N, C-alpha and C. Protein backbone atom coordinates (compact mmCIF):
# COMPACT_ATOMS: atom_id res chain seq x y z
N UNK A 1 14.82 31.76 -59.64
CA UNK A 1 14.30 32.21 -58.16
C UNK A 1 15.41 33.67 -57.97
N UNK A 2 14.90 34.57 -57.59
CA UNK A 2 15.00 35.93 -57.66
C UNK A 2 16.63 35.74 -56.88
N UNK A 3 17.68 36.45 -56.92
CA UNK A 3 18.58 36.88 -56.10
C UNK A 3 18.41 36.86 -54.54
N UNK A 4 17.66 37.80 -54.00
CA UNK A 4 17.18 38.09 -52.81
C UNK A 4 16.87 37.06 -52.34
N UNK A 5 15.93 36.08 -53.01
CA UNK A 5 14.93 34.95 -52.59
C UNK A 5 16.01 33.68 -51.94
N UNK A 6 17.15 33.69 -53.03
CA UNK A 6 18.55 32.76 -52.97
C UNK A 6 19.11 32.80 -51.88
N UNK A 7 19.57 34.23 -51.50
CA UNK A 7 20.32 34.68 -50.46
C UNK A 7 19.38 34.53 -49.58
N UNK A 8 18.38 34.57 -49.26
CA UNK A 8 17.59 34.24 -47.87
C UNK A 8 17.40 32.96 -47.75
N UNK A 9 17.37 32.10 -48.75
CA UNK A 9 17.47 30.61 -48.47
C UNK A 9 18.60 29.88 -48.09
N UNK A 10 19.71 30.72 -48.54
CA UNK A 10 21.43 30.18 -48.30
C UNK A 10 21.49 30.74 -46.62
N UNK A 11 21.13 31.85 -46.19
CA UNK A 11 20.95 32.13 -45.25
C UNK A 11 20.54 31.28 -43.99
N UNK A 12 18.81 30.81 -44.27
CA UNK A 12 18.26 29.84 -43.55
C UNK A 12 19.11 28.39 -43.38
N UNK A 13 19.57 28.25 -44.76
CA UNK A 13 20.24 26.24 -44.85
C UNK A 13 21.04 26.68 -43.77
N UNK A 14 22.11 27.64 -43.69
CA UNK A 14 23.44 27.76 -43.09
C UNK A 14 22.96 27.86 -41.56
N UNK A 15 21.72 28.49 -41.40
CA UNK A 15 21.14 28.96 -40.08
C UNK A 15 21.35 27.42 -39.30
N UNK A 16 20.45 26.65 -40.11
CA UNK A 16 19.91 25.36 -39.72
C UNK A 16 20.85 24.25 -39.56
N UNK A 17 22.08 24.77 -40.60
CA UNK A 17 23.53 23.87 -40.05
C UNK A 17 23.97 24.51 -38.99
N UNK A 18 24.29 25.53 -38.77
CA UNK A 18 24.71 26.04 -37.32
C UNK A 18 24.24 25.46 -36.46
N UNK A 19 22.91 25.23 -36.27
CA UNK A 19 21.87 24.92 -35.43
C UNK A 19 22.28 23.50 -34.98
N UNK A 20 22.35 22.75 -36.42
CA UNK A 20 22.70 21.35 -36.11
C UNK A 20 23.99 20.67 -35.56
N UNK A 21 25.28 21.57 -35.78
CA UNK A 21 26.59 21.43 -35.48
C UNK A 21 26.31 21.79 -34.11
N UNK A 22 25.65 22.99 -33.76
CA UNK A 22 26.18 23.66 -32.53
C UNK A 22 25.43 22.38 -30.81
N UNK A 23 24.74 21.41 -31.34
CA UNK A 23 25.05 20.52 -30.49
C UNK A 23 23.99 21.46 -29.05
N UNK A 24 24.17 21.10 -27.85
CA UNK A 24 23.81 21.90 -26.98
C UNK A 24 24.86 23.25 -26.11
N UNK A 25 25.84 23.55 -26.72
CA UNK A 25 26.86 24.21 -26.56
C UNK A 25 26.21 25.87 -27.37
N UNK A 26 25.83 26.71 -26.42
CA UNK A 26 25.57 28.15 -26.43
C UNK A 26 26.60 28.97 -27.26
N UNK A 27 25.90 29.60 -27.94
CA UNK A 27 27.29 30.10 -28.64
C UNK A 27 27.62 31.62 -27.38
N UNK A 28 28.72 31.78 -27.45
CA UNK A 28 29.60 32.34 -26.35
C UNK A 28 29.68 33.80 -27.36
N UNK A 29 29.51 35.00 -26.29
CA UNK A 29 29.84 36.12 -26.99
C UNK A 29 31.47 36.48 -26.89
N UNK A 30 31.77 36.59 -25.32
CA UNK A 30 33.33 36.84 -25.56
C UNK A 30 34.16 36.05 -26.65
N UNK A 31 33.73 34.23 -26.72
CA UNK A 31 34.46 33.58 -27.47
C UNK A 31 34.19 33.59 -28.99
N UNK A 32 32.93 33.97 -29.50
CA UNK A 32 32.25 33.37 -30.75
C UNK A 32 31.96 34.84 -31.58
N UNK A 33 31.43 35.54 -30.62
CA UNK A 33 30.60 36.75 -31.24
C UNK A 33 31.44 38.33 -31.16
N UNK A 34 31.88 38.06 -30.15
CA UNK A 34 32.85 39.48 -30.08
C UNK A 34 34.35 39.65 -31.16
N UNK A 35 34.68 38.65 -31.21
CA UNK A 35 35.82 38.60 -32.53
C UNK A 35 35.02 39.22 -33.75
N UNK A 36 34.28 38.12 -33.69
CA UNK A 36 33.27 38.56 -35.46
C UNK A 36 32.81 40.40 -35.15
N UNK A 37 32.03 40.55 -34.32
CA UNK A 37 31.94 42.08 -34.27
C UNK A 37 33.16 42.64 -34.52
N UNK A 38 34.36 42.50 -33.79
CA UNK A 38 35.96 43.46 -33.59
C UNK A 38 35.89 43.43 -34.69
N UNK A 39 36.08 42.60 -35.98
CA UNK A 39 36.47 42.66 -37.43
C UNK A 39 35.43 43.22 -38.09
N UNK A 40 34.49 43.12 -37.89
CA UNK A 40 33.44 43.61 -38.88
C UNK A 40 32.25 45.02 -38.31
N UNK A 41 32.17 45.05 -37.34
CA UNK A 41 31.30 46.32 -37.16
C UNK A 41 32.08 47.07 -36.04
N UNK A 42 32.83 46.97 -35.31
CA UNK A 42 33.10 47.83 -34.34
C UNK A 42 34.21 48.77 -34.68
N UNK A 43 34.91 48.88 -35.97
CA UNK A 43 35.57 49.91 -35.97
C UNK A 43 34.42 51.14 -35.86
N UNK A 44 33.49 50.98 -36.54
CA UNK A 44 32.18 52.15 -36.65
C UNK A 44 31.21 51.89 -35.42
N UNK A 45 31.51 50.86 -34.82
CA UNK A 45 30.10 50.70 -33.81
C UNK A 45 30.71 50.28 -32.76
N UNK A 46 31.76 50.50 -32.52
CA UNK A 46 32.50 50.21 -31.15
C UNK A 46 33.19 51.11 -29.78
N UNK A 47 34.03 51.43 -29.10
CA UNK A 47 33.99 51.97 -27.94
C UNK A 47 34.29 53.23 -27.80
N UNK A 48 35.00 53.41 -29.68
CA UNK A 48 35.72 54.73 -29.70
C UNK A 48 34.61 55.25 -30.05
N UNK A 49 34.43 56.70 -28.87
CA UNK A 49 33.20 57.50 -29.14
C UNK A 49 33.40 58.75 -30.66
N UNK A 50 34.97 58.74 -31.11
CA UNK A 50 35.17 59.70 -32.05
C UNK A 50 34.64 59.28 -33.60
N UNK A 51 34.91 58.09 -34.00
CA UNK A 51 34.35 56.89 -34.40
C UNK A 51 33.22 56.55 -34.96
N UNK A 52 32.38 56.39 -33.61
CA UNK A 52 31.56 55.70 -33.63
C UNK A 52 30.18 56.43 -34.20
N UNK A 53 29.27 55.58 -35.22
CA UNK A 53 28.02 55.85 -35.84
C UNK A 53 27.00 55.49 -35.20
N UNK A 54 25.87 56.55 -35.51
CA UNK A 54 24.39 56.64 -35.53
C UNK A 54 24.02 56.00 -33.58
N UNK A 55 25.59 56.22 -32.69
CA UNK A 55 25.42 56.64 -31.49
C UNK A 55 25.23 54.70 -30.91
N UNK A 56 25.15 53.92 -32.09
CA UNK A 56 25.44 52.29 -31.52
C UNK A 56 26.65 51.83 -31.42
N UNK A 57 26.68 50.87 -30.02
CA UNK A 57 27.80 50.46 -29.58
C UNK A 57 27.48 49.57 -29.26
N UNK A 58 27.73 48.41 -30.27
CA UNK A 58 27.31 46.67 -30.63
C UNK A 58 28.58 46.05 -29.10
N UNK A 59 29.32 46.35 -28.54
CA UNK A 59 29.75 45.62 -27.99
C UNK A 59 29.34 45.83 -26.50
N UNK A 60 28.31 46.87 -26.14
CA UNK A 60 27.67 46.99 -24.62
C UNK A 60 26.11 46.51 -25.41
N UNK A 61 25.38 45.76 -24.41
CA UNK A 61 24.53 45.55 -24.43
C UNK A 61 23.28 46.47 -24.51
N UNK A 62 23.66 47.15 -23.53
CA UNK A 62 22.39 48.72 -22.87
C UNK A 62 22.41 49.07 -24.58
N UNK A 63 23.58 49.62 -24.82
CA UNK A 63 23.33 50.17 -26.68
C UNK A 63 22.41 49.12 -27.65
N UNK A 64 23.23 48.17 -27.64
CA UNK A 64 22.73 47.10 -29.11
C UNK A 64 21.19 46.93 -28.58
N UNK A 65 20.58 46.69 -27.24
CA UNK A 65 19.15 46.61 -27.42
C UNK A 65 18.17 47.32 -27.02
N UNK A 66 18.53 48.67 -27.69
CA UNK A 66 18.23 50.10 -26.84
C UNK A 66 17.04 50.24 -28.19
N UNK A 67 16.13 50.26 -27.78
CA UNK A 67 14.82 50.80 -28.66
C UNK A 67 15.54 52.57 -29.67
N UNK A 68 15.14 52.06 -30.85
CA UNK A 68 15.50 52.89 -31.69
C UNK A 68 14.74 53.42 -32.58
N UNK A 69 14.67 54.67 -33.62
CA UNK A 69 13.28 55.03 -34.51
C UNK A 69 13.65 53.64 -35.72
N UNK A 70 14.31 52.57 -35.91
CA UNK A 70 14.39 51.81 -36.67
C UNK A 70 14.19 50.48 -36.14
N UNK A 71 14.13 50.50 -34.84
CA UNK A 71 14.10 49.59 -33.88
C UNK A 71 15.73 49.26 -33.35
N UNK A 72 15.49 47.84 -32.39
CA UNK A 72 16.65 47.96 -32.03
C UNK A 72 17.78 47.17 -32.61
N UNK A 73 18.85 47.94 -32.37
CA UNK A 73 19.95 46.93 -33.04
C UNK A 73 20.00 44.77 -33.01
N UNK A 74 19.23 45.04 -31.90
CA UNK A 74 19.63 43.69 -31.14
C UNK A 74 18.60 43.24 -30.27
N UNK A 75 17.23 42.59 -30.44
CA UNK A 75 16.22 41.94 -29.94
C UNK A 75 16.33 40.84 -29.44
N UNK A 76 17.19 40.27 -28.44
CA UNK A 76 17.50 39.07 -27.65
C UNK A 76 15.84 38.42 -27.63
N UNK A 77 16.32 37.06 -28.33
CA UNK A 77 15.31 35.99 -28.95
C UNK A 77 14.71 36.08 -29.96
N UNK A 78 15.28 37.20 -30.74
CA UNK A 78 13.70 37.71 -32.05
C UNK A 78 14.63 38.18 -32.72
N UNK A 79 15.68 36.99 -33.87
CA UNK A 79 16.25 37.54 -34.70
C UNK A 79 15.72 37.79 -36.01
N UNK A 80 14.57 37.80 -35.99
CA UNK A 80 13.33 38.51 -37.39
C UNK A 80 13.50 39.75 -37.04
N UNK A 81 13.58 40.35 -35.53
CA UNK A 81 13.37 42.00 -34.97
C UNK A 81 14.52 42.37 -34.83
N UNK A 82 15.72 41.95 -35.11
CA UNK A 82 16.97 42.45 -34.86
C UNK A 82 17.53 43.47 -35.93
N UNK A 83 17.59 44.29 -35.60
CA UNK A 83 17.64 45.55 -37.07
C UNK A 83 19.14 44.80 -37.36
N UNK A 84 20.30 44.43 -36.46
CA UNK A 84 21.13 43.96 -37.34
C UNK A 84 21.45 43.10 -38.16
N UNK A 85 20.57 42.15 -38.02
CA UNK A 85 20.37 40.89 -38.63
C UNK A 85 19.69 41.46 -39.97
N UNK A 86 18.86 42.44 -40.22
CA UNK A 86 18.05 42.76 -41.40
C UNK A 86 18.98 43.56 -42.33
N UNK A 87 20.26 44.80 -41.80
CA UNK A 87 21.14 44.93 -42.40
C UNK A 87 21.96 44.17 -42.73
N UNK A 88 22.72 43.24 -41.96
CA UNK A 88 23.71 42.53 -42.54
C UNK A 88 23.04 41.58 -43.72
N UNK A 89 22.25 41.52 -44.19
CA UNK A 89 21.60 40.46 -45.36
C UNK A 89 20.88 41.14 -45.94
N UNK A 90 20.97 42.62 -46.24
CA UNK A 90 20.09 43.65 -46.94
C UNK A 90 20.65 43.43 -48.52
N UNK A 91 20.16 43.56 -49.38
CA UNK A 91 20.40 43.69 -50.80
C UNK A 91 20.65 44.86 -51.48
N UNK A 92 19.88 45.72 -50.50
CA UNK A 92 20.01 47.01 -50.91
C UNK A 92 21.59 47.99 -50.20
N UNK A 93 22.38 48.18 -51.10
CA UNK A 93 23.87 48.59 -50.90
C UNK A 93 23.87 50.00 -50.06
N UNK A 94 22.73 50.73 -49.98
CA UNK A 94 22.26 52.06 -49.05
C UNK A 94 22.22 51.75 -47.50
N UNK A 95 21.67 50.54 -47.34
CA UNK A 95 21.44 49.83 -46.17
C UNK A 95 22.58 48.42 -45.56
N UNK A 96 22.87 48.53 -46.26
CA UNK A 96 24.32 47.09 -45.83
C UNK A 96 25.19 47.12 -45.14
N UNK A 97 25.20 46.48 -44.39
CA UNK A 97 26.01 46.58 -43.21
C UNK A 97 26.86 45.18 -43.19
N UNK A 98 28.33 44.98 -42.98
CA UNK A 98 29.17 46.68 -43.20
C UNK A 98 28.91 47.50 -44.35
N UNK A 99 28.78 48.39 -44.52
CA UNK A 99 29.08 48.88 -45.89
C UNK A 99 30.21 48.39 -47.21
N UNK A 100 29.31 47.93 -47.84
CA UNK A 100 30.25 47.53 -48.87
C UNK A 100 31.66 48.35 -49.31
N UNK A 101 31.84 50.03 -49.32
CA UNK A 101 32.92 50.67 -49.41
C UNK A 101 33.94 50.20 -47.98
N UNK A 102 33.50 49.38 -47.28
CA UNK A 102 34.56 49.15 -46.03
C UNK A 102 35.81 48.12 -46.32
N UNK A 103 34.93 47.18 -47.62
CA UNK A 103 36.14 45.86 -47.65
C UNK A 103 35.68 45.10 -47.12
N UNK A 104 34.82 44.77 -45.99
CA UNK A 104 34.33 43.87 -45.16
C UNK A 104 32.85 43.30 -45.48
N UNK A 105 32.86 41.56 -45.33
CA UNK A 105 31.69 41.10 -45.15
C UNK A 105 31.58 40.05 -44.92
N UNK A 106 30.37 40.04 -43.93
CA UNK A 106 30.06 38.66 -43.19
C UNK A 106 30.00 37.74 -43.90
N UNK A 107 30.40 36.66 -43.78
CA UNK A 107 30.26 34.78 -44.05
C UNK A 107 28.72 34.60 -43.79
N UNK A 108 28.32 33.63 -44.65
CA UNK A 108 26.64 33.30 -44.59
C UNK A 108 26.67 32.47 -43.19
N UNK A 109 28.03 31.69 -42.40
CA UNK A 109 28.39 31.34 -41.67
C UNK A 109 28.70 31.98 -40.15
N UNK A 110 28.96 33.33 -40.43
CA UNK A 110 28.88 34.26 -39.50
C UNK A 110 27.62 34.95 -39.30
N UNK A 111 27.23 35.10 -40.28
CA UNK A 111 25.30 35.53 -39.90
C UNK A 111 24.62 34.96 -39.39
N UNK A 112 24.71 33.17 -39.51
CA UNK A 112 24.30 32.30 -38.67
C UNK A 112 24.57 32.17 -37.44
N UNK A 113 26.02 32.41 -37.30
CA UNK A 113 26.32 32.27 -35.94
C UNK A 113 25.93 33.64 -34.89
N UNK A 114 25.24 34.41 -35.29
CA UNK A 114 25.10 35.70 -35.02
C UNK A 114 23.30 35.53 -35.15
N UNK A 115 22.84 34.91 -35.48
CA UNK A 115 21.19 34.33 -35.28
C UNK A 115 21.43 33.88 -34.46
N UNK A 116 22.03 33.15 -34.50
CA UNK A 116 21.53 31.67 -33.02
C UNK A 116 22.05 32.74 -31.71
N UNK A 117 23.34 33.37 -31.93
CA UNK A 117 23.00 33.96 -30.45
C UNK A 117 22.27 34.64 -30.28
N UNK A 118 21.48 35.43 -30.92
CA UNK A 118 20.13 36.21 -30.47
C UNK A 118 19.10 35.11 -30.27
N UNK A 119 18.90 34.12 -30.85
CA UNK A 119 18.20 33.42 -30.37
C UNK A 119 18.03 32.74 -29.51
N UNK A 120 19.53 32.93 -29.02
CA UNK A 120 19.55 32.51 -27.59
C UNK A 120 19.49 33.46 -26.67
N UNK A 121 19.44 34.18 -26.93
CA UNK A 121 18.99 35.29 -26.02
C UNK A 121 19.70 36.39 -26.14
N UNK A 122 21.02 36.36 -26.43
CA UNK A 122 21.75 37.84 -26.66
C UNK A 122 22.72 37.92 -25.70
N UNK A 123 23.10 37.04 -25.12
CA UNK A 123 23.81 36.78 -23.73
C UNK A 123 25.41 37.50 -23.98
N UNK A 124 25.38 38.70 -22.92
CA UNK A 124 26.52 39.12 -23.39
C UNK A 124 27.35 38.92 -22.00
N UNK A 125 28.58 38.60 -22.07
CA UNK A 125 29.32 37.74 -20.98
C UNK A 125 31.12 38.65 -21.33
N UNK A 126 31.47 38.82 -19.89
CA UNK A 126 32.73 39.70 -20.16
C UNK A 126 33.68 38.61 -20.67
N UNK A 127 35.17 39.47 -21.34
CA UNK A 127 35.84 38.45 -21.60
C UNK A 127 36.48 37.67 -20.03
N UNK A 128 36.90 36.58 -20.19
CA UNK A 128 37.40 35.87 -18.89
C UNK A 128 38.48 36.54 -18.31
N UNK A 129 39.70 37.69 -19.10
CA UNK A 129 40.80 37.94 -18.41
C UNK A 129 40.52 39.54 -17.56
N UNK A 130 38.85 39.83 -17.44
CA UNK A 130 38.61 40.53 -17.11
C UNK A 130 37.96 40.52 -15.62
């Protein structure tokens, strides 16, 4: 089995496991997704305009769902159309996010969590403290 097929198969299996384990509890942006983005994505795609890449701010719904040349980063309810999932699962080192030289890499269960959040509509909610 080619490496890309094996990788996609493992992502699919982890997604199915995450869905099975999730029960009725929806994925929470504030509790589950934002910490994952903060660790892996927001250093380049977060609130700091000085370091933000591609004018993409993943912690703000309006920016992450905005139509772009390559497609919206996040398409609520449609994970297969979401550029963010395509990039974090890419086997092309030039497209892979986070970039290989960043030293960061999302685990299969983290990818499954992001996928499930997008399937559920990619709802953004404010942190409880705000």
